């Protein structure tokens, strides 16, 4: 299996975070690169990667839909196994939106210590009845989900009603959307929210140090 990755190594790293992208933008997108840089600055090494369909998009320049969930999950698990061949330290998996969902599904099937998710897609926009939460209730490993308050994939009022288990740590960014962007009138700004999310994520990983 071929892996397309970018690694940012932190000095005196407290852990390695395997970071998966969302459905529409790959590992080199602004969000992915910015978040990786900020996590790295806070002592967390980051390994970004592209799922196979995104590798094809990059090679051909033609857009295509994401692969089926089982193929995405298989690729993620294979990458974790590959990383574990040479890395024995604290390992965390996660991602943005779709990538984060795949990480939560992979968590109990791999040798990772926890999952960190930026904007979990709890349901498709406009379809709150189609929840993607069943597996979240059966996992016992620690997870950290950072969500915009008004995320159309699951806003704060909805998510707090899901009664997720105690091993899932939820954090909401004021007025943030699915990419954490707030409205100008809110008085908040995207750069601050990205910085806050990186700090929350790095602290989550640090608190789980052995």
N, C-alpha and C. Protein backbone atom coordinates (compact mmCIF):
# COMPACT_ATOMS: atom_id res chain seq x y z
N UNK A 1 0.84 -1.20 0.00
CA UNK A 1 0.00 0.00 0.00
C UNK A 1 0.88 1.25 0.00
N UNK A 2 0.52 2.22 -0.81
CA UNK A 2 1.29 3.46 -0.92
C UNK A 2 0.70 4.54 -0.03
N UNK A 3 1.57 5.22 0.70
CA UNK A 3 1.13 6.30 1.58
C UNK A 3 1.73 7.62 1.12
N UNK A 4 0.91 8.65 1.10
CA UNK A 4 1.36 10.00 0.79
C UNK A 4 1.27 10.82 2.06
N UNK A 5 2.42 11.24 2.60
CA UNK A 5 2.44 11.86 3.92
C UNK A 5 3.32 13.11 3.97
N UNK A 6 3.07 13.91 4.97
CA UNK A 6 3.93 15.05 5.32
C UNK A 6 4.11 14.99 6.83
N UNK A 7 5.35 15.02 7.29
CA UNK A 7 5.60 14.93 8.73
C UNK A 7 6.26 16.19 9.26
N UNK A 8 5.73 16.69 10.36
CA UNK A 8 6.30 17.84 11.06
C UNK A 8 6.75 17.35 12.43
N UNK A 9 8.05 17.34 12.67
CA UNK A 9 8.59 16.83 13.93
C UNK A 9 8.85 17.95 14.92
N UNK A 10 8.29 17.81 16.10
CA UNK A 10 8.50 18.78 17.17
C UNK A 10 9.77 18.43 17.94
N UNK A 11 10.44 19.43 18.45
CA UNK A 11 11.59 19.16 19.31
C UNK A 11 11.06 18.71 20.67
N UNK A 12 11.67 17.69 21.24
CA UNK A 12 11.23 17.13 22.51
C UNK A 12 9.73 16.80 22.46
N UNK A 13 9.33 16.08 21.41
CA UNK A 13 7.91 15.79 21.19
C UNK A 13 7.31 14.97 22.32
N UNK A 14 6.07 15.30 22.67
CA UNK A 14 5.33 14.58 23.71
C UNK A 14 4.40 13.53 23.13
N UNK A 15 4.41 13.40 21.82
CA UNK A 15 3.57 12.41 21.17
C UNK A 15 3.55 12.64 19.68
N UNK A 16 3.01 11.67 18.96
CA UNK A 16 2.86 11.77 17.50
C UNK A 16 1.38 11.69 17.17
N UNK A 17 0.92 12.63 16.36
CA UNK A 17 -0.48 12.72 15.97
C UNK A 17 -0.62 12.42 14.49
N UNK A 18 -1.33 11.35 14.13
CA UNK A 18 -1.61 11.04 12.73
C UNK A 18 -2.89 11.77 12.35
N UNK A 19 -2.80 12.69 11.40
CA UNK A 19 -3.82 13.69 11.12
C UNK A 19 -4.43 13.48 9.74
N UNK A 20 -5.71 13.12 9.71
CA UNK A 20 -6.42 12.84 8.46
C UNK A 20 -7.25 14.04 8.01
N UNK A 21 -7.35 14.25 6.72
CA UNK A 21 -8.06 15.41 6.17
C UNK A 21 -9.57 15.16 6.06
N UNK A 22 -10.30 16.22 5.74
CA UNK A 22 -11.74 16.13 5.50
C UNK A 22 -12.04 15.68 4.08
N UNK A 23 -13.32 15.65 3.74
CA UNK A 23 -13.74 15.07 2.46
C UNK A 23 -13.26 15.87 1.24
N UNK A 24 -13.21 17.21 1.35
CA UNK A 24 -12.98 18.00 0.16
C UNK A 24 -11.61 18.61 -0.02
N UNK A 25 -10.76 18.55 0.99
CA UNK A 25 -9.44 19.18 0.90
C UNK A 25 -8.41 18.29 1.57
N UNK A 26 -7.25 18.11 0.93
CA UNK A 26 -6.26 17.16 1.39
C UNK A 26 -5.32 17.66 2.46
N UNK A 27 -4.23 16.91 2.62
CA UNK A 27 -3.31 17.17 3.73
C UNK A 27 -2.57 18.51 3.60
N UNK A 28 -2.52 19.07 2.40
CA UNK A 28 -1.80 20.34 2.20
C UNK A 28 -2.71 21.56 2.28
N UNK A 29 -3.98 21.37 2.61
CA UNK A 29 -4.91 22.49 2.71
C UNK A 29 -4.47 23.45 3.81
N UNK A 30 -4.99 24.66 3.75
CA UNK A 30 -4.61 25.68 4.74
C UNK A 30 -4.92 25.24 6.15
N UNK A 31 -6.10 24.69 6.37
CA UNK A 31 -6.48 24.26 7.72
C UNK A 31 -5.52 23.19 8.23
N UNK A 32 -5.26 22.18 7.41
CA UNK A 32 -4.40 21.08 7.83
C UNK A 32 -2.97 21.55 8.13
N UNK A 33 -2.43 22.37 7.23
CA UNK A 33 -1.06 22.85 7.40
C UNK A 33 -0.94 23.76 8.61
N UNK A 34 -1.93 24.65 8.78
CA UNK A 34 -1.89 25.59 9.90
C UNK A 34 -2.01 24.85 11.23
N UNK A 35 -2.95 23.91 11.32
CA UNK A 35 -3.13 23.18 12.57
C UNK A 35 -1.91 22.34 12.89
N UNK A 36 -1.33 21.70 11.88
CA UNK A 36 -0.13 20.89 12.09
C UNK A 36 1.01 21.75 12.63
N UNK A 37 1.17 22.94 12.05
CA UNK A 37 2.24 23.83 12.47
C UNK A 37 2.06 24.26 13.92
N UNK A 38 0.83 24.55 14.29
CA UNK A 38 0.57 25.02 15.67
C UNK A 38 0.71 23.90 16.69
N UNK A 39 0.29 22.71 16.33
CA UNK A 39 0.47 21.58 17.23
C UNK A 39 1.96 21.28 17.41
N UNK A 40 2.69 21.33 16.31
CA UNK A 40 4.13 21.08 16.35
C UNK A 40 4.84 22.09 17.25
N UNK A 41 4.41 23.34 17.19
CA UNK A 41 5.00 24.38 18.02
C UNK A 41 4.74 24.15 19.50
N UNK A 42 3.74 23.32 19.80
CA UNK A 42 3.40 23.03 21.19
C UNK A 42 3.85 21.63 21.61
N UNK A 43 4.81 21.09 20.88
CA UNK A 43 5.45 19.86 21.29
C UNK A 43 4.82 18.57 20.81
N UNK A 44 3.96 18.66 19.79
CA UNK A 44 3.32 17.47 19.25
C UNK A 44 3.78 17.28 17.80
N UNK A 45 4.44 16.17 17.51
CA UNK A 45 4.80 15.87 16.12
C UNK A 45 3.54 15.45 15.36
N UNK A 46 3.46 15.82 14.09
CA UNK A 46 2.24 15.58 13.31
C UNK A 46 2.59 14.90 11.99
N UNK A 47 1.85 13.84 11.70
CA UNK A 47 1.98 13.15 10.41
C UNK A 47 0.67 13.31 9.66
N UNK A 48 0.69 14.16 8.63
CA UNK A 48 -0.50 14.33 7.79
C UNK A 48 -0.44 13.32 6.65
N UNK A 49 -1.60 12.92 6.14
CA UNK A 49 -1.62 12.00 5.01
C UNK A 49 -2.85 12.22 4.16
N UNK A 50 -2.78 11.75 2.92
CA UNK A 50 -3.92 11.79 2.00
C UNK A 50 -4.51 10.39 1.86
N UNK A 51 -5.84 10.31 1.90
CA UNK A 51 -6.50 9.06 1.58
C UNK A 51 -6.29 8.77 0.09
N UNK A 52 -6.47 7.52 -0.35
CA UNK A 52 -6.20 7.16 -1.76
C UNK A 52 -6.92 8.03 -2.78
N UNK A 53 -8.19 8.34 -2.57
CA UNK A 53 -8.91 9.16 -3.56
C UNK A 53 -8.31 10.54 -3.69
N UNK A 54 -7.80 11.08 -2.56
CA UNK A 54 -7.18 12.40 -2.60
C UNK A 54 -5.82 12.32 -3.29
N UNK A 55 -5.11 11.23 -3.13
CA UNK A 55 -3.86 11.03 -3.87
C UNK A 55 -4.13 11.07 -5.38
N UNK A 56 -5.22 10.41 -5.79
CA UNK A 56 -5.59 10.38 -7.20
C UNK A 56 -5.96 11.78 -7.69
N UNK A 57 -6.70 12.53 -6.87
CA UNK A 57 -7.07 13.90 -7.23
C UNK A 57 -5.83 14.75 -7.44
N UNK A 58 -4.86 14.60 -6.56
CA UNK A 58 -3.62 15.38 -6.66
C UNK A 58 -2.85 15.02 -7.92
N UNK A 59 -2.83 13.74 -8.23
CA UNK A 59 -2.09 13.28 -9.41
C UNK A 59 -2.76 13.67 -10.73
N UNK A 60 -4.08 13.65 -10.77
CA UNK A 60 -4.81 13.89 -12.02
C UNK A 60 -5.34 15.31 -12.15
N UNK A 61 -5.49 16.01 -11.03
CA UNK A 61 -6.07 17.34 -11.06
C UNK A 61 -7.58 17.33 -11.23
N UNK A 62 -8.17 16.16 -11.13
CA UNK A 62 -9.62 16.03 -11.31
C UNK A 62 -10.29 15.67 -9.98
N UNK A 63 -11.36 16.38 -9.67
CA UNK A 63 -12.08 16.12 -8.43
C UNK A 63 -12.81 14.78 -8.50
N UNK A 64 -12.90 14.15 -7.34
CA UNK A 64 -13.64 12.90 -7.26
C UNK A 64 -14.17 12.75 -5.83
N UNK A 65 -15.24 12.00 -5.64
CA UNK A 65 -15.80 11.85 -4.30
C UNK A 65 -14.91 10.98 -3.43
N UNK A 66 -15.07 11.05 -2.12
CA UNK A 66 -14.30 10.18 -1.23
C UNK A 66 -14.59 8.71 -1.50
N UNK A 67 -13.63 7.87 -1.17
CA UNK A 67 -13.83 6.44 -1.25
C UNK A 67 -14.88 6.02 -0.20
N UNK A 68 -15.37 4.80 -0.32
CA UNK A 68 -16.29 4.27 0.67
C UNK A 68 -15.60 4.17 2.03
N UNK A 69 -16.42 4.20 3.07
CA UNK A 69 -15.88 4.21 4.42
C UNK A 69 -14.96 3.06 4.74
N UNK A 70 -15.26 1.85 4.25
CA UNK A 70 -14.42 0.70 4.57
C UNK A 70 -13.02 0.84 3.96
N UNK A 71 -12.93 1.46 2.79
CA UNK A 71 -11.62 1.67 2.16
C UNK A 71 -10.84 2.75 2.90
N UNK A 72 -11.53 3.81 3.31
CA UNK A 72 -10.87 4.87 4.09
C UNK A 72 -10.34 4.30 5.40
N UNK A 73 -11.17 3.52 6.07
CA UNK A 73 -10.79 2.94 7.36
C UNK A 73 -9.61 1.98 7.20
N UNK A 74 -9.65 1.17 6.16
CA UNK A 74 -8.57 0.23 5.91
C UNK A 74 -7.25 0.95 5.69
N UNK A 75 -7.29 2.05 4.95
CA UNK A 75 -6.07 2.82 4.68
C UNK A 75 -5.53 3.43 5.97
N UNK A 76 -6.42 3.96 6.80
CA UNK A 76 -5.99 4.57 8.06
C UNK A 76 -5.33 3.52 8.96
N UNK A 77 -5.96 2.37 9.10
CA UNK A 77 -5.41 1.31 9.94
C UNK A 77 -4.07 0.82 9.43
N UNK A 78 -3.94 0.72 8.11
CA UNK A 78 -2.67 0.28 7.52
C UNK A 78 -1.56 1.29 7.81
N UNK A 79 -1.89 2.57 7.77
CA UNK A 79 -0.90 3.60 8.06
C UNK A 79 -0.46 3.52 9.52
N UNK A 80 -1.40 3.32 10.43
CA UNK A 80 -1.04 3.20 11.84
C UNK A 80 -0.10 2.01 12.05
N UNK A 81 -0.39 0.90 11.41
CA UNK A 81 0.49 -0.27 11.53
C UNK A 81 1.88 0.04 10.98
N UNK A 82 1.93 0.76 9.87
CA UNK A 82 3.22 1.12 9.28
C UNK A 82 4.01 2.04 10.21
N UNK A 83 3.34 3.01 10.80
CA UNK A 83 4.00 3.93 11.73
C UNK A 83 4.54 3.17 12.94
N UNK A 84 3.78 2.21 13.43
CA UNK A 84 4.17 1.46 14.63
C UNK A 84 5.39 0.56 14.40
N UNK A 85 5.77 0.35 13.16
CA UNK A 85 6.96 -0.45 12.89
C UNK A 85 8.22 0.25 13.36
N UNK A 86 8.18 1.59 13.41
CA UNK A 86 9.38 2.35 13.77
C UNK A 86 9.15 3.35 14.91
N UNK A 87 7.92 3.43 15.40
CA UNK A 87 7.62 4.40 16.45
C UNK A 87 6.90 3.70 17.60
N UNK A 88 7.46 3.79 18.81
CA UNK A 88 6.89 3.11 19.96
C UNK A 88 6.35 4.05 21.02
N UNK A 89 6.39 5.35 20.74
CA UNK A 89 5.95 6.34 21.72
C UNK A 89 4.43 6.53 21.75
N UNK A 90 4.02 7.60 22.41
CA UNK A 90 2.60 7.91 22.52
C UNK A 90 2.05 8.27 21.14
N UNK A 91 0.99 7.58 20.73
CA UNK A 91 0.45 7.76 19.39
C UNK A 91 -1.03 8.11 19.45
N UNK A 92 -1.39 9.17 18.74
CA UNK A 92 -2.77 9.63 18.69
C UNK A 92 -3.21 9.75 17.23
N UNK A 93 -4.46 9.45 16.98
CA UNK A 93 -5.00 9.56 15.64
C UNK A 93 -6.15 10.55 15.65
N UNK A 94 -6.50 11.07 14.49
CA UNK A 94 -7.60 12.03 14.44
C UNK A 94 -7.68 12.68 13.08
N UNK A 95 -8.40 13.78 13.03
CA UNK A 95 -8.53 14.45 11.76
C UNK A 95 -9.57 15.53 11.75
N UNK A 96 -9.73 16.08 10.58
CA UNK A 96 -10.72 17.12 10.31
C UNK A 96 -11.96 16.45 9.72
N UNK A 97 -13.12 16.67 10.33
CA UNK A 97 -14.40 16.21 9.80
C UNK A 97 -14.38 14.72 9.45
N UNK A 98 -14.50 14.38 8.17
CA UNK A 98 -14.52 12.98 7.75
C UNK A 98 -13.31 12.22 8.27
N UNK A 99 -12.15 12.83 8.20
CA UNK A 99 -10.93 12.18 8.69
C UNK A 99 -11.01 11.90 10.18
N UNK A 100 -11.63 12.81 10.92
CA UNK A 100 -11.81 12.60 12.35
C UNK A 100 -12.78 11.47 12.63
N UNK A 101 -13.83 11.38 11.84
CA UNK A 101 -14.79 10.28 12.01
C UNK A 101 -14.11 8.95 11.76
N UNK A 102 -13.30 8.86 10.70
CA UNK A 102 -12.58 7.63 10.42
C UNK A 102 -11.64 7.26 11.57
N UNK A 103 -11.04 8.26 12.17
CA UNK A 103 -10.13 8.00 13.29
C UNK A 103 -10.89 7.42 14.48
N UNK A 104 -12.06 7.95 14.78
CA UNK A 104 -12.83 7.43 15.91
C UNK A 104 -13.28 5.99 15.64
N UNK A 105 -13.50 5.66 14.38
CA UNK A 105 -13.89 4.30 14.02
C UNK A 105 -12.68 3.36 14.08
N UNK A 106 -11.50 3.89 13.82
CA UNK A 106 -10.28 3.09 13.82
C UNK A 106 -9.71 2.90 15.23
N UNK A 107 -10.07 3.76 16.14
CA UNK A 107 -9.40 3.86 17.44
C UNK A 107 -9.31 2.53 18.18
N UNK A 108 -10.41 1.81 18.27
CA UNK A 108 -10.41 0.55 19.02
C UNK A 108 -9.86 -0.62 18.21
N UNK A 109 -9.50 -0.36 16.96
CA UNK A 109 -8.95 -1.42 16.11
C UNK A 109 -7.45 -1.29 15.89
N UNK A 110 -6.84 -0.33 16.57
CA UNK A 110 -5.41 -0.10 16.33
C UNK A 110 -4.69 0.25 17.63
N UNK A 111 -3.38 0.32 17.53
CA UNK A 111 -2.53 0.62 18.68
C UNK A 111 -2.31 2.13 18.79
N UNK A 112 -3.39 2.83 19.13
CA UNK A 112 -3.33 4.27 19.35
C UNK A 112 -3.88 4.56 20.74
N UNK A 113 -3.39 5.63 21.35
CA UNK A 113 -3.76 5.94 22.73
C UNK A 113 -5.02 6.80 22.85
N UNK A 114 -5.38 7.49 21.79
CA UNK A 114 -6.56 8.34 21.84
C UNK A 114 -6.79 9.00 20.49
N UNK A 115 -7.89 9.74 20.40
CA UNK A 115 -8.26 10.41 19.15
C UNK A 115 -8.56 11.87 19.39
N UNK A 116 -8.13 12.70 18.45
CA UNK A 116 -8.35 14.15 18.48
C UNK A 116 -9.06 14.56 17.19
N UNK A 117 -10.24 15.16 17.33
CA UNK A 117 -11.07 15.47 16.17
C UNK A 117 -11.40 16.95 16.11
N UNK A 118 -11.23 17.53 14.93
CA UNK A 118 -11.58 18.92 14.69
C UNK A 118 -12.83 18.97 13.81
N UNK A 119 -13.99 19.25 14.40
CA UNK A 119 -15.24 19.32 13.65
C UNK A 119 -15.79 17.96 13.30
N UNK A 120 -16.34 17.25 14.27
CA UNK A 120 -16.87 15.92 14.00
C UNK A 120 -18.19 16.03 13.23
N UNK A 121 -18.36 15.23 12.17
CA UNK A 121 -19.61 15.27 11.40
C UNK A 121 -20.68 14.38 12.04
N UNK A 122 -21.31 14.89 13.07
CA UNK A 122 -22.30 14.10 13.81
C UNK A 122 -23.46 13.66 12.94
N UNK A 123 -23.79 14.47 11.95
CA UNK A 123 -24.86 14.14 10.99
C UNK A 123 -24.68 14.97 9.74
N UNK A 124 -25.25 14.56 8.62
CA UNK A 124 -25.18 15.40 7.42
C UNK A 124 -25.93 16.71 7.67
N UNK A 125 -25.48 17.82 7.09
CA UNK A 125 -26.19 19.09 7.27
C UNK A 125 -27.66 18.98 6.88
N UNK A 126 -28.52 19.46 7.74
CA UNK A 126 -29.95 19.44 7.47
C UNK A 126 -30.62 18.10 7.72
N UNK A 127 -29.85 17.10 8.19
CA UNK A 127 -30.41 15.77 8.45
C UNK A 127 -30.00 15.29 9.85
N UNK A 128 -30.47 15.99 10.88
CA UNK A 128 -30.06 15.66 12.25
C UNK A 128 -30.49 14.28 12.72
N UNK A 129 -31.44 13.68 11.99
CA UNK A 129 -31.91 12.34 12.36
C UNK A 129 -30.92 11.24 11.95
N UNK A 130 -30.00 11.56 11.04
CA UNK A 130 -29.04 10.56 10.55
C UNK A 130 -27.73 10.67 11.34
N UNK A 131 -27.80 10.24 12.58
CA UNK A 131 -26.66 10.38 13.48
C UNK A 131 -25.55 9.37 13.17
N UNK A 132 -24.31 9.83 13.42
CA UNK A 132 -23.14 8.99 13.23
C UNK A 132 -22.44 8.83 14.58
N UNK A 133 -23.18 8.37 15.56
CA UNK A 133 -22.67 8.36 16.93
C UNK A 133 -22.65 6.98 17.59
N UNK A 134 -23.21 5.96 16.96
CA UNK A 134 -23.33 4.66 17.63
C UNK A 134 -21.99 4.15 18.15
N UNK A 135 -20.94 4.21 17.32
CA UNK A 135 -19.65 3.67 17.73
C UNK A 135 -19.00 4.51 18.83
N UNK A 136 -19.39 5.78 18.94
CA UNK A 136 -18.82 6.63 19.97
C UNK A 136 -19.22 6.16 21.37
N UNK A 137 -20.37 5.54 21.47
CA UNK A 137 -20.86 5.07 22.77
C UNK A 137 -20.23 3.75 23.19
N UNK A 138 -19.58 3.05 22.26
CA UNK A 138 -19.00 1.75 22.59
C UNK A 138 -17.49 1.79 22.81
N UNK A 139 -16.85 2.90 22.48
CA UNK A 139 -15.40 3.02 22.65
C UNK A 139 -15.07 3.47 24.07
N UNK A 140 -13.95 2.97 24.59
CA UNK A 140 -13.54 3.35 25.94
C UNK A 140 -12.23 4.13 25.96
N UNK A 141 -11.61 4.30 24.80
CA UNK A 141 -10.38 5.08 24.75
C UNK A 141 -10.72 6.57 24.76
N UNK A 142 -9.81 7.41 25.25
CA UNK A 142 -10.09 8.85 25.32
C UNK A 142 -10.15 9.52 23.95
N UNK A 143 -11.12 10.40 23.81
CA UNK A 143 -11.27 11.20 22.60
C UNK A 143 -11.48 12.66 22.99
N UNK A 144 -11.00 13.54 22.13
CA UNK A 144 -11.23 14.97 22.29
C UNK A 144 -11.85 15.49 20.99
N UNK A 145 -13.05 16.05 21.10
CA UNK A 145 -13.73 16.60 19.94
C UNK A 145 -13.89 18.10 20.12
N UNK A 146 -13.34 18.85 19.18
CA UNK A 146 -13.43 20.32 19.21
C UNK A 146 -14.38 20.74 18.11
N UNK A 147 -15.43 21.45 18.47
CA UNK A 147 -16.55 21.72 17.56
C UNK A 147 -16.90 23.20 17.56
N UNK A 148 -17.27 23.74 16.41
CA UNK A 148 -17.82 25.09 16.36
C UNK A 148 -19.23 25.09 16.95
N UNK A 149 -19.57 26.13 17.66
CA UNK A 149 -20.89 26.18 18.31
C UNK A 149 -22.03 26.05 17.32
N UNK A 150 -21.85 26.59 16.10
CA UNK A 150 -22.95 26.57 15.12
C UNK A 150 -22.63 25.68 13.92
N UNK A 151 -21.84 24.64 14.16
CA UNK A 151 -21.48 23.68 13.12
C UNK A 151 -22.74 23.02 12.58
N UNK A 152 -22.95 23.08 11.26
CA UNK A 152 -24.14 22.48 10.66
C UNK A 152 -24.10 20.95 10.67
N UNK A 153 -22.93 20.38 10.98
CA UNK A 153 -22.81 18.93 11.11
C UNK A 153 -23.06 18.49 12.56
N UNK A 154 -23.47 19.41 13.39
CA UNK A 154 -23.74 19.12 14.80
C UNK A 154 -23.40 20.32 15.65
N UNK A 155 -24.41 21.18 15.91
CA UNK A 155 -24.13 22.38 16.70
C UNK A 155 -24.24 22.06 18.19
N UNK A 156 -23.86 23.02 19.01
CA UNK A 156 -23.71 22.77 20.44
C UNK A 156 -24.98 22.24 21.10
N UNK A 157 -26.11 22.84 20.82
CA UNK A 157 -27.35 22.40 21.46
C UNK A 157 -27.70 20.96 21.11
N UNK A 158 -27.39 20.57 19.87
CA UNK A 158 -27.64 19.18 19.46
C UNK A 158 -26.68 18.22 20.17
N UNK A 159 -25.41 18.54 20.10
CA UNK A 159 -24.38 17.63 20.59
C UNK A 159 -24.50 17.40 22.10
N UNK A 160 -24.82 18.43 22.84
CA UNK A 160 -24.95 18.27 24.29
C UNK A 160 -26.12 17.37 24.66
N UNK A 161 -27.07 17.20 23.75
CA UNK A 161 -28.21 16.32 23.99
C UNK A 161 -27.90 14.85 23.69
N UNK A 162 -26.76 14.59 23.06
CA UNK A 162 -26.42 13.22 22.68
C UNK A 162 -25.99 12.37 23.88
N UNK A 163 -25.63 13.04 24.97
CA UNK A 163 -25.19 12.34 26.18
C UNK A 163 -24.06 11.36 25.87
N UNK A 164 -23.01 11.89 25.27
CA UNK A 164 -21.85 11.08 24.91
C UNK A 164 -21.12 10.63 26.18
N UNK A 165 -20.43 9.49 26.13
CA UNK A 165 -19.76 8.96 27.33
C UNK A 165 -18.64 9.87 27.84
N UNK A 166 -18.27 9.62 29.09
CA UNK A 166 -17.32 10.49 29.79
C UNK A 166 -15.92 10.47 29.19
N UNK A 167 -15.57 9.43 28.43
CA UNK A 167 -14.24 9.38 27.82
C UNK A 167 -14.10 10.33 26.63
N UNK A 168 -15.22 10.95 26.21
CA UNK A 168 -15.19 11.91 25.11
C UNK A 168 -15.23 13.32 25.68
N UNK A 169 -14.17 14.06 25.44
CA UNK A 169 -14.05 15.42 25.95
C UNK A 169 -14.49 16.39 24.86
N UNK A 170 -15.54 17.14 25.12
CA UNK A 170 -16.11 18.07 24.13
C UNK A 170 -15.71 19.51 24.44
N UNK A 171 -15.33 20.24 23.39
CA UNK A 171 -15.01 21.66 23.52
C UNK A 171 -15.69 22.41 22.38
N UNK A 172 -16.34 23.53 22.68
CA UNK A 172 -17.04 24.30 21.66
C UNK A 172 -16.41 25.68 21.51
N UNK A 173 -16.18 26.06 20.25
CA UNK A 173 -15.60 27.37 19.94
C UNK A 173 -16.72 28.35 19.63
N UNK A 174 -16.78 29.48 20.33
CA UNK A 174 -17.90 30.42 20.20
C UNK A 174 -18.16 30.86 18.77
N UNK A 175 -19.39 30.66 18.31
CA UNK A 175 -19.88 31.11 16.99
C UNK A 175 -19.14 30.46 15.82
N UNK A 176 -18.34 29.44 16.09
CA UNK A 176 -17.59 28.80 15.01
C UNK A 176 -18.45 27.92 14.13
N UNK A 177 -18.10 27.85 12.83
CA UNK A 177 -18.79 26.95 11.90
C UNK A 177 -18.01 25.64 11.83
N UNK A 178 -18.22 24.85 10.79
CA UNK A 178 -17.58 23.54 10.68
C UNK A 178 -16.06 23.64 10.58
N UNK A 179 -15.57 24.77 10.07
CA UNK A 179 -14.12 25.00 10.00
C UNK A 179 -13.65 25.99 11.06
N UNK A 180 -14.53 26.21 12.06
CA UNK A 180 -14.27 27.07 13.22
C UNK A 180 -14.37 28.56 12.93
N UNK A 181 -14.77 28.93 11.70
CA UNK A 181 -14.85 30.35 11.35
C UNK A 181 -16.08 31.00 11.98
N UNK A 182 -15.88 32.08 12.76
CA UNK A 182 -17.01 32.79 13.35
C UNK A 182 -17.46 33.93 12.44
N UNK A 183 -18.65 34.43 12.68
CA UNK A 183 -19.12 35.60 11.93
C UNK A 183 -18.46 36.86 12.47
N UNK A 184 -18.24 37.83 11.59
CA UNK A 184 -17.55 39.05 12.00
C UNK A 184 -18.25 39.74 13.15
N UNK A 185 -19.56 39.75 13.11
CA UNK A 185 -20.33 40.44 14.15
C UNK A 185 -20.20 39.80 15.52
N UNK A 186 -19.67 38.57 15.56
CA UNK A 186 -19.56 37.85 16.84
C UNK A 186 -18.48 38.42 17.75
N UNK A 187 -17.50 39.11 17.13
CA UNK A 187 -16.39 39.62 17.92
C UNK A 187 -15.23 38.64 18.04
N UNK A 188 -15.40 37.44 17.48
CA UNK A 188 -14.34 36.44 17.49
C UNK A 188 -13.68 36.39 16.12
N UNK A 189 -12.52 35.74 16.01
CA UNK A 189 -11.86 35.62 14.71
C UNK A 189 -11.32 34.21 14.54
N UNK A 190 -11.13 33.82 13.29
CA UNK A 190 -10.72 32.46 12.96
C UNK A 190 -9.34 32.12 13.50
N UNK A 191 -8.40 33.04 13.39
CA UNK A 191 -7.04 32.76 13.84
C UNK A 191 -7.01 32.40 15.32
N UNK A 192 -7.79 33.11 16.11
CA UNK A 192 -7.84 32.82 17.54
C UNK A 192 -8.46 31.45 17.80
N UNK A 193 -9.50 31.12 17.04
CA UNK A 193 -10.14 29.82 17.21
C UNK A 193 -9.20 28.67 16.82
N UNK A 194 -8.44 28.85 15.75
CA UNK A 194 -7.49 27.81 15.34
C UNK A 194 -6.42 27.64 16.42
N UNK A 195 -5.95 28.75 16.95
CA UNK A 195 -4.95 28.71 18.01
C UNK A 195 -5.50 28.03 19.26
N UNK A 196 -6.73 28.36 19.61
CA UNK A 196 -7.37 27.75 20.78
C UNK A 196 -7.52 26.24 20.59
N UNK A 197 -7.96 25.85 19.39
CA UNK A 197 -8.14 24.43 19.10
C UNK A 197 -6.82 23.67 19.19
N UNK A 198 -5.75 24.28 18.70
CA UNK A 198 -4.43 23.64 18.78
C UNK A 198 -3.98 23.49 20.22
N UNK A 199 -4.24 24.50 21.02
CA UNK A 199 -3.87 24.43 22.44
C UNK A 199 -4.66 23.36 23.17
N UNK A 200 -5.96 23.29 22.92
CA UNK A 200 -6.79 22.26 23.53
C UNK A 200 -6.30 20.87 23.11
N UNK A 201 -6.00 20.72 21.81
CA UNK A 201 -5.54 19.44 21.31
C UNK A 201 -4.21 19.01 21.91
N UNK A 202 -3.26 19.93 21.98
CA UNK A 202 -1.95 19.59 22.53
C UNK A 202 -2.05 19.28 24.03
N UNK A 203 -2.90 20.00 24.74
CA UNK A 203 -3.08 19.73 26.17
C UNK A 203 -3.73 18.37 26.39
N UNK A 204 -4.67 18.00 25.53
CA UNK A 204 -5.30 16.69 25.61
C UNK A 204 -4.26 15.59 25.47
N UNK A 205 -3.36 15.73 24.50
CA UNK A 205 -2.33 14.72 24.29
C UNK A 205 -1.36 14.69 25.46
N UNK A 206 -0.99 15.85 25.95
CA UNK A 206 -0.04 15.92 27.07
C UNK A 206 -0.60 15.29 28.35
N UNK A 207 -1.89 15.48 28.61
CA UNK A 207 -2.48 14.95 29.83
C UNK A 207 -2.55 13.43 29.81
N UNK A 208 -2.41 12.84 28.62
CA UNK A 208 -2.46 11.39 28.51
C UNK A 208 -1.07 10.77 28.41
N UNK A 209 -0.05 11.56 28.72
CA UNK A 209 1.33 11.03 28.72
C UNK A 209 1.45 9.91 29.75
N UNK A 210 2.25 8.91 29.41
CA UNK A 210 2.51 7.84 30.37
C UNK A 210 3.51 8.33 31.41
